[in-house]
Amino acid sequence: QHEIALDARTTFTVLLASHASRFAQAGVIRRDDFLARKLPCGASLDDQFFCLYDRNQGGAGSRHLLSGQLERRHEHGVSELQTFLTLRSLRLRANFTGLVDDVSTQGLPQRGDGVEQSYDALTFGGRAAHRVSFGPKAYLREVELGLFARHDQGEGVQRRLRTDDGVPYR
């Protein structure tokens, strides 16, 4: 965040924020496979407990924000004008059934039950406000009038993924 004094009563503030993350996810395993130590990891209970059927699980997310605010102080109040823009992205890959092989694929790659969900969104808007203070100091009152507008545009997609290579399929 950075604030710039345009004159003795007026300031402009710009805010830029961003974050991104990636994560892994174990998914689900069958209890009988765990107890029988049939999972494709080491034979110890710890190895089996932290094992998974489909290693192609996890996700990533990010959010980026840009905002600008103009503020003007008056003798009895303050006027503000603010605009903002936010970009969001989320991608999740999961296999909630544990199925990694199809019964028959007729020579095609194994598909399994991998799913990828993604969501991308754009949000922008602005607000304007004018706040006035009045009355004696001991009984000071404030009145604020303003408006706010916001637009959200997002798209969500869900696709099936092949277990072996993570490629989407119909």
N, C-alpha and C. Protein backbone atom coordinates (compact mmCIF):
# COMPACT_ATOMS: atom_id res chain seq x y z
N GLN A 1 0.85 -1.16 0.00
CA GLN A 1 0.00 0.00 0.00
C GLN A 1 0.90 1.22 0.00
N HIS A 2 0.50 2.22 -0.76
CA HIS A 2 1.27 3.46 -0.82
C HIS A 2 0.29 4.63 -0.87
N GLU A 3 0.57 5.63 -0.06
CA GLU A 3 -0.28 6.81 0.00
C GLU A 3 0.49 8.01 -0.53
N ILE A 4 -0.17 8.80 -1.38
CA ILE A 4 0.44 10.00 -1.97
C ILE A 4 -0.40 11.20 -1.58
N ALA A 5 0.23 12.22 -1.00
CA ALA A 5 -0.47 13.46 -0.67
C ALA A 5 -0.49 14.34 -1.91
N LEU A 6 -1.69 14.59 -2.43
CA LEU A 6 -1.81 15.43 -3.63
C LEU A 6 -1.80 16.91 -3.27
N ASP A 7 -2.36 17.25 -2.11
CA ASP A 7 -2.27 18.58 -1.53
C ASP A 7 -2.55 18.44 -0.03
N ALA A 8 -2.75 19.54 0.68
CA ALA A 8 -2.91 19.49 2.14
C ALA A 8 -4.16 18.71 2.57
N ARG A 9 -5.18 18.62 1.72
CA ARG A 9 -6.43 17.96 2.09
C ARG A 9 -6.73 16.68 1.30
N THR A 10 -5.95 16.38 0.28
CA THR A 10 -6.29 15.29 -0.64
C THR A 10 -5.18 14.24 -0.66
N THR A 11 -5.57 12.98 -0.53
CA THR A 11 -4.62 11.87 -0.63
C THR A 11 -5.13 10.84 -1.62
N PHE A 12 -4.17 10.17 -2.25
CA PHE A 12 -4.49 9.05 -3.12
C PHE A 12 -3.74 7.85 -2.57
N THR A 13 -4.47 6.74 -2.37
CA THR A 13 -3.87 5.52 -1.83
C THR A 13 -4.05 4.40 -2.83
N VAL A 14 -2.98 3.71 -3.12
CA VAL A 14 -3.04 2.54 -4.00
C VAL A 14 -2.65 1.31 -3.18
N LEU A 15 -3.40 0.24 -3.36
CA LEU A 15 -3.16 -1.01 -2.64
C LEU A 15 -3.01 -2.13 -3.66
N LEU A 16 -1.96 -2.90 -3.51
CA LEU A 16 -1.73 -4.07 -4.36
C LEU A 16 -1.46 -5.25 -3.44
N ALA A 17 -2.23 -6.32 -3.61
CA ALA A 17 -2.06 -7.53 -2.78
C ALA A 17 -2.14 -8.75 -3.68
N SER A 18 -1.36 -9.77 -3.34
CA SER A 18 -1.35 -10.97 -4.16
C SER A 18 -0.91 -12.15 -3.31
N HIS A 19 -1.49 -13.30 -3.57
CA HIS A 19 -1.01 -14.54 -2.94
C HIS A 19 -1.32 -15.72 -3.85
N ALA A 20 -0.50 -16.74 -3.73
CA ALA A 20 -0.70 -17.97 -4.50
C ALA A 20 -0.28 -19.14 -3.63
N SER A 21 -0.92 -20.28 -3.82
CA SER A 21 -0.58 -21.47 -3.04
C SER A 21 -0.78 -22.72 -3.88
N ARG A 22 -0.06 -23.76 -3.49
CA ARG A 22 -0.20 -25.09 -4.09
C ARG A 22 -0.27 -26.09 -2.93
N PHE A 23 -0.99 -27.17 -3.12
CA PHE A 23 -1.09 -28.15 -2.06
C PHE A 23 -1.32 -29.54 -2.64
N ALA A 24 -0.96 -30.55 -1.84
CA ALA A 24 -1.22 -31.94 -2.19
C ALA A 24 -2.37 -32.44 -1.33
N GLN A 25 -3.01 -33.50 -1.78
CA GLN A 25 -4.18 -34.04 -1.08
C GLN A 25 -4.14 -35.56 -1.18
N ALA A 26 -4.36 -36.22 -0.08
CA ALA A 26 -4.28 -37.69 -0.08
C ALA A 26 -5.52 -38.34 -0.67
N GLY A 27 -6.66 -37.74 -0.55
CA GLY A 27 -7.88 -38.37 -1.04
C GLY A 27 -8.39 -39.39 -0.05
N VAL A 28 -9.11 -40.37 -0.55
CA VAL A 28 -9.70 -41.39 0.31
C VAL A 28 -9.07 -42.75 0.01
N ILE A 29 -9.06 -43.60 1.02
CA ILE A 29 -8.62 -44.98 0.84
C ILE A 29 -9.66 -45.89 1.50
N ARG A 30 -9.74 -47.11 1.01
CA ARG A 30 -10.69 -48.06 1.58
C ARG A 30 -10.11 -48.60 2.88
N ARG A 31 -10.94 -48.73 3.89
CA ARG A 31 -10.49 -49.23 5.20
C ARG A 31 -9.98 -50.67 5.10
N ASP A 32 -10.70 -51.51 4.33
CA ASP A 32 -10.26 -52.90 4.22
C ASP A 32 -8.91 -53.02 3.51
N ASP A 33 -8.63 -52.14 2.52
CA ASP A 33 -7.31 -52.13 1.88
C ASP A 33 -6.24 -51.69 2.87
N PHE A 34 -6.56 -50.71 3.70
CA PHE A 34 -5.60 -50.24 4.71
C PHE A 34 -5.29 -51.35 5.72
N LEU A 35 -6.32 -51.98 6.25
CA LEU A 35 -6.11 -53.03 7.26
C LEU A 35 -5.38 -54.24 6.69
N ALA A 36 -5.65 -54.56 5.43
CA ALA A 36 -4.98 -55.70 4.78
C ALA A 36 -3.62 -55.31 4.19
N ARG A 37 -3.26 -54.04 4.32
CA ARG A 37 -1.98 -53.49 3.81
C ARG A 37 -1.82 -53.76 2.31
N LYS A 38 -2.89 -53.46 1.55
CA LYS A 38 -2.90 -53.68 0.11
C LYS A 38 -2.56 -52.42 -0.69
N LEU A 39 -2.37 -51.29 -0.03
CA LEU A 39 -2.11 -50.04 -0.75
C LEU A 39 -0.70 -50.07 -1.37
N PRO A 40 -0.49 -49.34 -2.47
CA PRO A 40 0.79 -49.42 -3.20
C PRO A 40 1.93 -48.62 -2.55
N CYS A 41 2.13 -48.83 -1.25
CA CYS A 41 3.21 -48.17 -0.51
C CYS A 41 3.91 -49.22 0.35
N GLY A 42 4.74 -48.80 1.29
CA GLY A 42 5.39 -49.74 2.20
C GLY A 42 4.37 -50.53 3.00
N ALA A 43 4.83 -51.60 3.65
CA ALA A 43 3.92 -52.52 4.35
C ALA A 43 3.58 -52.07 5.77
N SER A 44 4.32 -51.11 6.36
CA SER A 44 4.02 -50.69 7.73
C SER A 44 2.70 -49.94 7.79
N LEU A 45 2.10 -49.90 8.97
CA LEU A 45 0.82 -49.18 9.12
C LEU A 45 0.98 -47.70 8.82
N ASP A 46 2.11 -47.08 9.22
CA ASP A 46 2.33 -45.67 8.90
C ASP A 46 2.40 -45.46 7.39
N ASP A 47 3.14 -46.32 6.69
CA ASP A 47 3.22 -46.21 5.23
C ASP A 47 1.84 -46.36 4.60
N GLN A 48 1.08 -47.30 5.09
CA GLN A 48 -0.26 -47.53 4.55
C GLN A 48 -1.20 -46.35 4.87
N PHE A 49 -1.07 -45.79 6.09
CA PHE A 49 -1.94 -44.70 6.50
C PHE A 49 -1.75 -43.46 5.62
N PHE A 50 -0.50 -43.18 5.24
CA PHE A 50 -0.22 -41.99 4.43
C PHE A 50 -0.15 -42.29 2.94
N CYS A 51 -0.62 -43.44 2.55
CA CYS A 51 -0.61 -43.85 1.15
C CYS A 51 -1.88 -43.36 0.45
N LEU A 52 -1.91 -43.47 -0.87
CA LEU A 52 -3.09 -43.08 -1.63
C LEU A 52 -3.13 -43.88 -2.92
N TYR A 53 -4.32 -43.97 -3.50
CA TYR A 53 -4.48 -44.69 -4.74
C TYR A 53 -4.02 -43.85 -5.93
N ASP A 54 -4.32 -42.58 -5.90
CA ASP A 54 -4.09 -41.70 -7.04
C ASP A 54 -3.19 -40.55 -6.60
N ARG A 55 -1.95 -40.51 -7.06
CA ARG A 55 -1.00 -39.47 -6.66
C ARG A 55 -1.24 -38.14 -7.37
N ASN A 56 -2.18 -38.12 -8.27
CA ASN A 56 -2.44 -36.93 -9.08
C ASN A 56 -3.53 -36.06 -8.44
N GLN A 57 -3.41 -35.80 -7.12
CA GLN A 57 -4.44 -35.05 -6.40
C GLN A 57 -3.82 -33.84 -5.71
N GLY A 58 -4.62 -32.81 -5.56
CA GLY A 58 -4.17 -31.59 -4.90
C GLY A 58 -4.79 -30.39 -5.59
N GLY A 59 -4.11 -29.26 -5.49
CA GLY A 59 -4.67 -28.09 -6.12
C GLY A 59 -3.77 -26.88 -6.03
N ALA A 60 -4.30 -25.78 -6.54
CA ALA A 60 -3.59 -24.50 -6.51
C ALA A 60 -4.63 -23.39 -6.51
N GLY A 61 -4.29 -22.31 -5.88
CA GLY A 61 -5.18 -21.17 -5.85
C GLY A 61 -4.40 -19.86 -5.82
N SER A 62 -5.01 -18.81 -6.32
CA SER A 62 -4.36 -17.50 -6.27
C SER A 62 -5.43 -16.41 -6.22
N ARG A 63 -5.02 -15.27 -5.68
CA ARG A 63 -5.88 -14.10 -5.63
C ARG A 63 -5.01 -12.86 -5.77
N HIS A 64 -5.44 -11.94 -6.60
CA HIS A 64 -4.70 -10.70 -6.85
C HIS A 64 -5.69 -9.53 -6.74
N LEU A 65 -5.27 -8.47 -6.06
CA LEU A 65 -6.15 -7.33 -5.79
C LEU A 65 -5.41 -6.04 -6.12
N LEU A 66 -6.10 -5.13 -6.80
CA LEU A 66 -5.61 -3.78 -7.05
C LEU A 66 -6.72 -2.82 -6.68
N SER A 67 -6.39 -1.81 -5.87
CA SER A 67 -7.39 -0.85 -5.41
C SER A 67 -6.78 0.54 -5.38
N GLY A 68 -7.58 1.52 -5.72
CA GLY A 68 -7.16 2.92 -5.63
C GLY A 68 -8.24 3.72 -4.91
N GLN A 69 -7.81 4.62 -4.01
CA GLN A 69 -8.77 5.43 -3.26
C GLN A 69 -8.32 6.89 -3.23
N LEU A 70 -9.25 7.75 -3.53
CA LEU A 70 -9.02 9.20 -3.47
C LEU A 70 -9.84 9.73 -2.29
N GLU A 71 -9.18 10.46 -1.38
CA GLU A 71 -9.87 10.98 -0.19
C GLU A 71 -9.62 12.48 -0.10
N ARG A 72 -10.70 13.23 0.11
CA ARG A 72 -10.63 14.70 0.25
C ARG A 72 -11.30 15.09 1.56
N ARG A 73 -10.52 15.74 2.45
CA ARG A 73 -11.04 16.20 3.74
C ARG A 73 -11.56 17.63 3.60
N HIS A 74 -12.75 17.85 4.13
CA HIS A 74 -13.38 19.17 4.13
C HIS A 74 -13.44 19.67 5.57
N GLU A 75 -13.90 20.88 5.75
CA GLU A 75 -13.96 21.45 7.10
C GLU A 75 -14.83 20.62 8.04
N HIS A 76 -15.95 20.11 7.53
CA HIS A 76 -16.87 19.33 8.38
C HIS A 76 -17.08 17.90 7.92
N GLY A 77 -16.17 17.37 7.10
CA GLY A 77 -16.38 16.00 6.64
C GLY A 77 -15.29 15.50 5.71
N VAL A 78 -15.60 14.36 5.10
CA VAL A 78 -14.65 13.68 4.21
C VAL A 78 -15.41 13.12 3.01
N SER A 79 -14.81 13.23 1.82
CA SER A 79 -15.35 12.61 0.61
C SER A 79 -14.36 11.55 0.14
N GLU A 80 -14.87 10.38 -0.26
CA GLU A 80 -14.02 9.29 -0.70
C GLU A 80 -14.54 8.70 -2.00
N LEU A 81 -13.60 8.29 -2.84
CA LEU A 81 -13.91 7.60 -4.09
C LEU A 81 -12.92 6.44 -4.20
N GLN A 82 -13.43 5.21 -4.37
CA GLN A 82 -12.57 4.04 -4.41
C GLN A 82 -12.98 3.13 -5.56
N THR A 83 -11.99 2.53 -6.23
CA THR A 83 -12.23 1.50 -7.24
C THR A 83 -11.38 0.29 -6.89
N PHE A 84 -11.81 -0.89 -7.33
CA PHE A 84 -11.06 -2.11 -7.04
C PHE A 84 -11.23 -3.13 -8.15
N LEU A 85 -10.24 -4.02 -8.25
CA LEU A 85 -10.23 -5.10 -9.22
C LEU A 85 -9.61 -6.31 -8.54
N THR A 86 -10.28 -7.47 -8.63
CA THR A 86 -9.78 -8.70 -8.02
C THR A 86 -9.83 -9.82 -9.06
N LEU A 87 -8.75 -10.59 -9.14
CA LEU A 87 -8.70 -11.79 -9.98
C LEU A 87 -8.49 -12.99 -9.07
N ARG A 88 -9.31 -14.03 -9.23
CA ARG A 88 -9.20 -15.24 -8.42
C ARG A 88 -9.13 -16.47 -9.32
N SER A 89 -8.37 -17.46 -8.87
CA SER A 89 -8.26 -18.71 -9.61
C SER A 89 -8.11 -19.85 -8.60
N LEU A 90 -8.82 -20.95 -8.85
CA LEU A 90 -8.74 -22.12 -7.98
C LEU A 90 -8.82 -23.36 -8.85
N ARG A 91 -7.94 -24.32 -8.59
CA ARG A 91 -7.95 -25.59 -9.32
C ARG A 91 -7.79 -26.72 -8.32
N LEU A 92 -8.69 -27.70 -8.35
CA LEU A 92 -8.67 -28.86 -7.45
C LEU A 92 -8.66 -30.13 -8.28
N ARG A 93 -7.81 -31.08 -7.89
CA ARG A 93 -7.78 -32.39 -8.53
C ARG A 93 -7.99 -33.42 -7.44
N ALA A 94 -8.98 -34.29 -7.63
CA ALA A 94 -9.32 -35.26 -6.58
C ALA A 94 -9.81 -36.56 -7.19
N ASN A 95 -9.79 -37.59 -6.36
CA ASN A 95 -10.34 -38.89 -6.71
C ASN A 95 -11.02 -39.40 -5.44
N PHE A 96 -12.31 -39.18 -5.31
CA PHE A 96 -13.01 -39.49 -4.07
C PHE A 96 -13.47 -40.94 -3.97
N THR A 97 -13.38 -41.70 -5.05
CA THR A 97 -13.80 -43.10 -4.99
C THR A 97 -12.61 -44.03 -4.80
N GLY A 98 -11.41 -43.58 -5.15
CA GLY A 98 -10.24 -44.43 -5.08
C GLY A 98 -10.07 -45.31 -6.31
N LEU A 99 -11.01 -45.28 -7.25
CA LEU A 99 -10.91 -46.09 -8.46
C LEU A 99 -9.82 -45.50 -9.36
N VAL A 100 -8.84 -46.31 -9.72
CA VAL A 100 -7.77 -45.84 -10.60
C VAL A 100 -7.72 -46.64 -11.90
N ASP A 101 -8.34 -47.82 -11.95
CA ASP A 101 -8.34 -48.65 -13.15
C ASP A 101 -9.77 -48.92 -13.59
N ASP A 102 -9.98 -48.93 -14.90
CA ASP A 102 -11.27 -49.33 -15.46
C ASP A 102 -11.26 -50.84 -15.67
N VAL A 103 -12.44 -51.42 -15.68
CA VAL A 103 -12.54 -52.86 -15.90
C VAL A 103 -12.02 -53.20 -17.30
N SER A 104 -12.47 -52.44 -18.29
CA SER A 104 -12.02 -52.70 -19.66
C SER A 104 -11.91 -51.36 -20.39
N THR A 105 -10.77 -51.12 -20.98
CA THR A 105 -10.61 -49.89 -21.77
C THR A 105 -10.27 -50.21 -23.22
N GLN A 106 -10.31 -51.50 -23.59
CA GLN A 106 -10.05 -51.95 -24.95
C GLN A 106 -8.76 -51.38 -25.51
N GLY A 107 -7.66 -51.49 -24.73
CA GLY A 107 -6.35 -51.03 -25.18
C GLY A 107 -6.07 -49.56 -24.97
N LEU A 108 -7.06 -48.81 -24.48
CA LEU A 108 -6.85 -47.39 -24.22
C LEU A 108 -6.23 -47.19 -22.83
N PRO A 109 -5.67 -46.00 -22.54
CA PRO A 109 -5.11 -45.77 -21.20
C PRO A 109 -6.19 -45.86 -20.12
N GLN A 110 -5.77 -46.27 -18.92
CA GLN A 110 -6.69 -46.35 -17.79
C GLN A 110 -7.24 -44.95 -17.48
N ARG A 111 -8.53 -44.89 -17.15
CA ARG A 111 -9.14 -43.60 -16.87
C ARG A 111 -9.31 -43.35 -15.38
N GLY A 112 -9.87 -44.29 -14.64
CA GLY A 112 -10.11 -44.08 -13.21
C GLY A 112 -11.19 -43.04 -12.96
N ASP A 113 -11.22 -42.51 -11.74
CA ASP A 113 -12.24 -41.54 -11.33
C ASP A 113 -11.64 -40.19 -10.95
N GLY A 114 -10.56 -39.79 -11.57
CA GLY A 114 -9.97 -38.49 -11.28
C GLY A 114 -10.86 -37.37 -11.79
N VAL A 115 -10.97 -36.31 -11.01
CA VAL A 115 -11.79 -35.15 -11.37
C VAL A 115 -10.97 -33.89 -11.16
N GLU A 116 -11.09 -32.97 -12.10
CA GLU A 116 -10.47 -31.65 -11.94
C GLU A 116 -11.58 -30.61 -11.95
N GLN A 117 -11.58 -29.75 -10.94
CA GLN A 117 -12.52 -28.64 -10.88
C GLN A 117 -11.71 -27.36 -10.93
N SER A 118 -12.14 -26.41 -11.72
CA SER A 118 -11.44 -25.12 -11.77
C SER A 118 -12.46 -24.00 -11.73
N TYR A 119 -12.03 -22.90 -11.16
CA TYR A 119 -12.88 -21.72 -11.03
C TYR A 119 -12.01 -20.49 -11.23
N ASP A 120 -12.42 -19.63 -12.15
CA ASP A 120 -11.74 -18.36 -12.40
C ASP A 120 -12.76 -17.25 -12.30
N ALA A 121 -12.38 -16.17 -11.64
CA ALA A 121 -13.34 -15.08 -11.43
C ALA A 121 -12.65 -13.72 -11.53
N LEU A 122 -13.42 -12.77 -11.99
CA LEU A 122 -13.01 -11.37 -12.06
C LEU A 122 -14.06 -10.56 -11.31
N THR A 123 -13.62 -9.73 -10.40
CA THR A 123 -14.53 -8.85 -9.66
C THR A 123 -14.00 -7.43 -9.78
N PHE A 124 -14.88 -6.50 -10.09
CA PHE A 124 -14.47 -5.10 -10.09
C PHE A 124 -15.63 -4.24 -9.62
N GLY A 125 -15.31 -3.07 -9.16
CA GLY A 125 -16.36 -2.18 -8.67
C GLY A 125 -15.79 -0.92 -8.08
N GLY A 126 -16.66 -0.23 -7.40
CA GLY A 126 -16.24 1.03 -6.78
C GLY A 126 -17.25 1.48 -5.76
N ARG A 127 -16.83 2.46 -5.00
CA ARG A 127 -17.73 3.06 -4.02
C ARG A 127 -17.40 4.54 -3.90
N ALA A 128 -18.40 5.30 -3.53
CA ALA A 128 -18.24 6.72 -3.28
C ALA A 128 -19.01 7.04 -2.00
N ALA A 129 -18.44 7.92 -1.19
CA ALA A 129 -19.10 8.28 0.07
C ALA A 129 -18.74 9.70 0.46
N HIS A 130 -19.68 10.34 1.13
CA HIS A 130 -19.44 11.67 1.71
C HIS A 130 -19.97 11.64 3.14
N ARG A 131 -19.06 11.94 4.09
CA ARG A 131 -19.39 11.90 5.50
C ARG A 131 -19.30 13.31 6.05
N VAL A 132 -20.34 13.74 6.78
CA VAL A 132 -20.41 15.08 7.36
C VAL A 132 -20.56 14.97 8.87
N SER A 133 -19.80 15.77 9.61
CA SER A 133 -19.91 15.84 11.07
C SER A 133 -20.56 17.17 11.44
N PHE A 134 -21.44 17.13 12.44
CA PHE A 134 -22.11 18.37 12.87
C PHE A 134 -22.49 18.30 14.33
N GLY A 135 -22.81 19.43 14.91
CA GLY A 135 -23.23 19.52 16.31
C GLY A 135 -22.09 19.95 17.21
N PRO A 136 -22.43 20.29 18.47
CA PRO A 136 -21.37 20.66 19.42
C PRO A 136 -20.45 19.48 19.70
N LYS A 137 -19.23 19.77 20.09
CA LYS A 137 -18.21 18.74 20.26
C LYS A 137 -18.65 17.61 21.20
N ALA A 138 -19.33 17.94 22.27
CA ALA A 138 -19.78 16.93 23.23
C ALA A 138 -20.86 16.02 22.63
N TYR A 139 -21.60 16.51 21.63
CA TYR A 139 -22.69 15.74 21.01
C TYR A 139 -22.48 15.60 19.50
N LEU A 140 -21.25 15.43 19.09
CA LEU A 140 -20.91 15.36 17.67
C LEU A 140 -21.63 14.19 16.99
N ARG A 141 -22.23 14.47 15.87
CA ARG A 141 -22.95 13.47 15.08
C ARG A 141 -22.33 13.39 13.69
N GLU A 142 -22.50 12.23 13.06
CA GLU A 142 -22.02 12.05 11.69
C GLU A 142 -23.13 11.46 10.84
N VAL A 143 -23.18 11.90 9.59
CA VAL A 143 -24.09 11.35 8.60
C VAL A 143 -23.24 11.00 7.38
N GLU A 144 -23.49 9.81 6.84
CA GLU A 144 -22.74 9.40 5.66
C GLU A 144 -23.71 8.97 4.57
N LEU A 145 -23.48 9.47 3.38
CA LEU A 145 -24.24 9.08 2.20
C LEU A 145 -23.25 8.50 1.20
N GLY A 146 -23.69 7.47 0.50
CA GLY A 146 -22.76 6.88 -0.45
C GLY A 146 -23.43 5.89 -1.38
N LEU A 147 -22.62 5.32 -2.23
CA LEU A 147 -23.10 4.30 -3.14
C LEU A 147 -22.00 3.27 -3.34
N PHE A 148 -22.40 2.08 -3.74
CA PHE A 148 -21.48 0.98 -3.94
C PHE A 148 -21.95 0.19 -5.15
N ALA A 149 -21.02 -0.16 -6.03
CA ALA A 149 -21.35 -0.98 -7.20
C ALA A 149 -20.28 -2.06 -7.34
N ARG A 150 -20.72 -3.26 -7.71
CA ARG A 150 -19.79 -4.39 -7.84
C ARG A 150 -20.28 -5.31 -8.94
N HIS A 151 -19.34 -5.85 -9.69
CA HIS A 151 -19.67 -6.83 -10.73
C HIS A 151 -18.76 -8.04 -10.56
N ASP A 152 -19.36 -9.23 -10.56
CA ASP A 152 -18.62 -10.48 -10.46
C ASP A 152 -18.86 -11.28 -11.72
N GLN A 153 -17.79 -11.80 -12.28
CA GLN A 153 -17.91 -12.66 -13.45
C GLN A 153 -17.01 -13.86 -13.22
N GLY A 154 -17.61 -15.06 -13.19
CA GLY A 154 -16.82 -16.25 -12.91
C GLY A 154 -17.26 -17.42 -13.76
N GLU A 155 -16.35 -18.38 -13.88
CA GLU A 155 -16.65 -19.57 -14.65
C GLU A 155 -16.08 -20.78 -13.91
N GLY A 156 -16.90 -21.79 -13.74
CA GLY A 156 -16.48 -23.04 -13.12
C GLY A 156 -16.56 -24.17 -14.13
N VAL A 157 -15.56 -25.04 -14.10
CA VAL A 157 -15.50 -26.16 -15.03
C VAL A 157 -15.13 -27.42 -14.25
N GLN A 158 -15.74 -28.54 -14.61
CA GLN A 158 -15.36 -29.82 -14.02
C GLN A 158 -15.08 -30.79 -15.16
N ARG A 159 -13.91 -31.47 -15.08
CA ARG A 159 -13.52 -32.41 -16.13
C ARG A 159 -13.07 -33.73 -15.49
N ARG A 160 -13.24 -34.82 -16.23
CA ARG A 160 -12.73 -36.13 -15.82
C ARG A 160 -11.27 -36.22 -16.25
N LEU A 161 -10.41 -36.83 -15.42
CA LEU A 161 -8.99 -36.96 -15.72
C LEU A 161 -8.57 -38.42 -15.75
N ARG A 162 -7.70 -38.77 -16.70
CA ARG A 162 -7.12 -40.11 -16.71
C ARG A 162 -6.14 -40.23 -15.56
N THR A 163 -6.10 -41.38 -14.92
CA THR A 163 -5.23 -41.61 -13.76
C THR A 163 -3.75 -41.55 -14.13
N ASP A 164 -3.37 -42.19 -15.22
CA ASP A 164 -1.94 -42.32 -15.54
C ASP A 164 -1.25 -41.00 -15.83
N ASP A 165 -1.89 -40.14 -16.63
CA ASP A 165 -1.20 -38.93 -17.07
C ASP A 165 -1.93 -37.63 -16.75
N GLY A 166 -3.12 -37.70 -16.13
CA GLY A 166 -3.86 -36.50 -15.76
C GLY A 166 -4.50 -35.78 -16.93
N VAL A 167 -4.56 -36.39 -18.10
CA VAL A 167 -5.15 -35.77 -19.29
C VAL A 167 -6.67 -35.88 -19.21
N PRO A 168 -7.41 -34.80 -19.50
CA PRO A 168 -8.88 -34.87 -19.48
C PRO A 168 -9.41 -35.79 -20.58
N TYR A 169 -10.56 -36.40 -20.32
CA TYR A 169 -11.22 -37.23 -21.31
C TYR A 169 -12.72 -37.04 -21.19
N ARG A 170 -13.45 -37.46 -22.22
CA ARG A 170 -14.92 -37.34 -22.18
C ARG A 170 -15.50 -38.46 -21.35
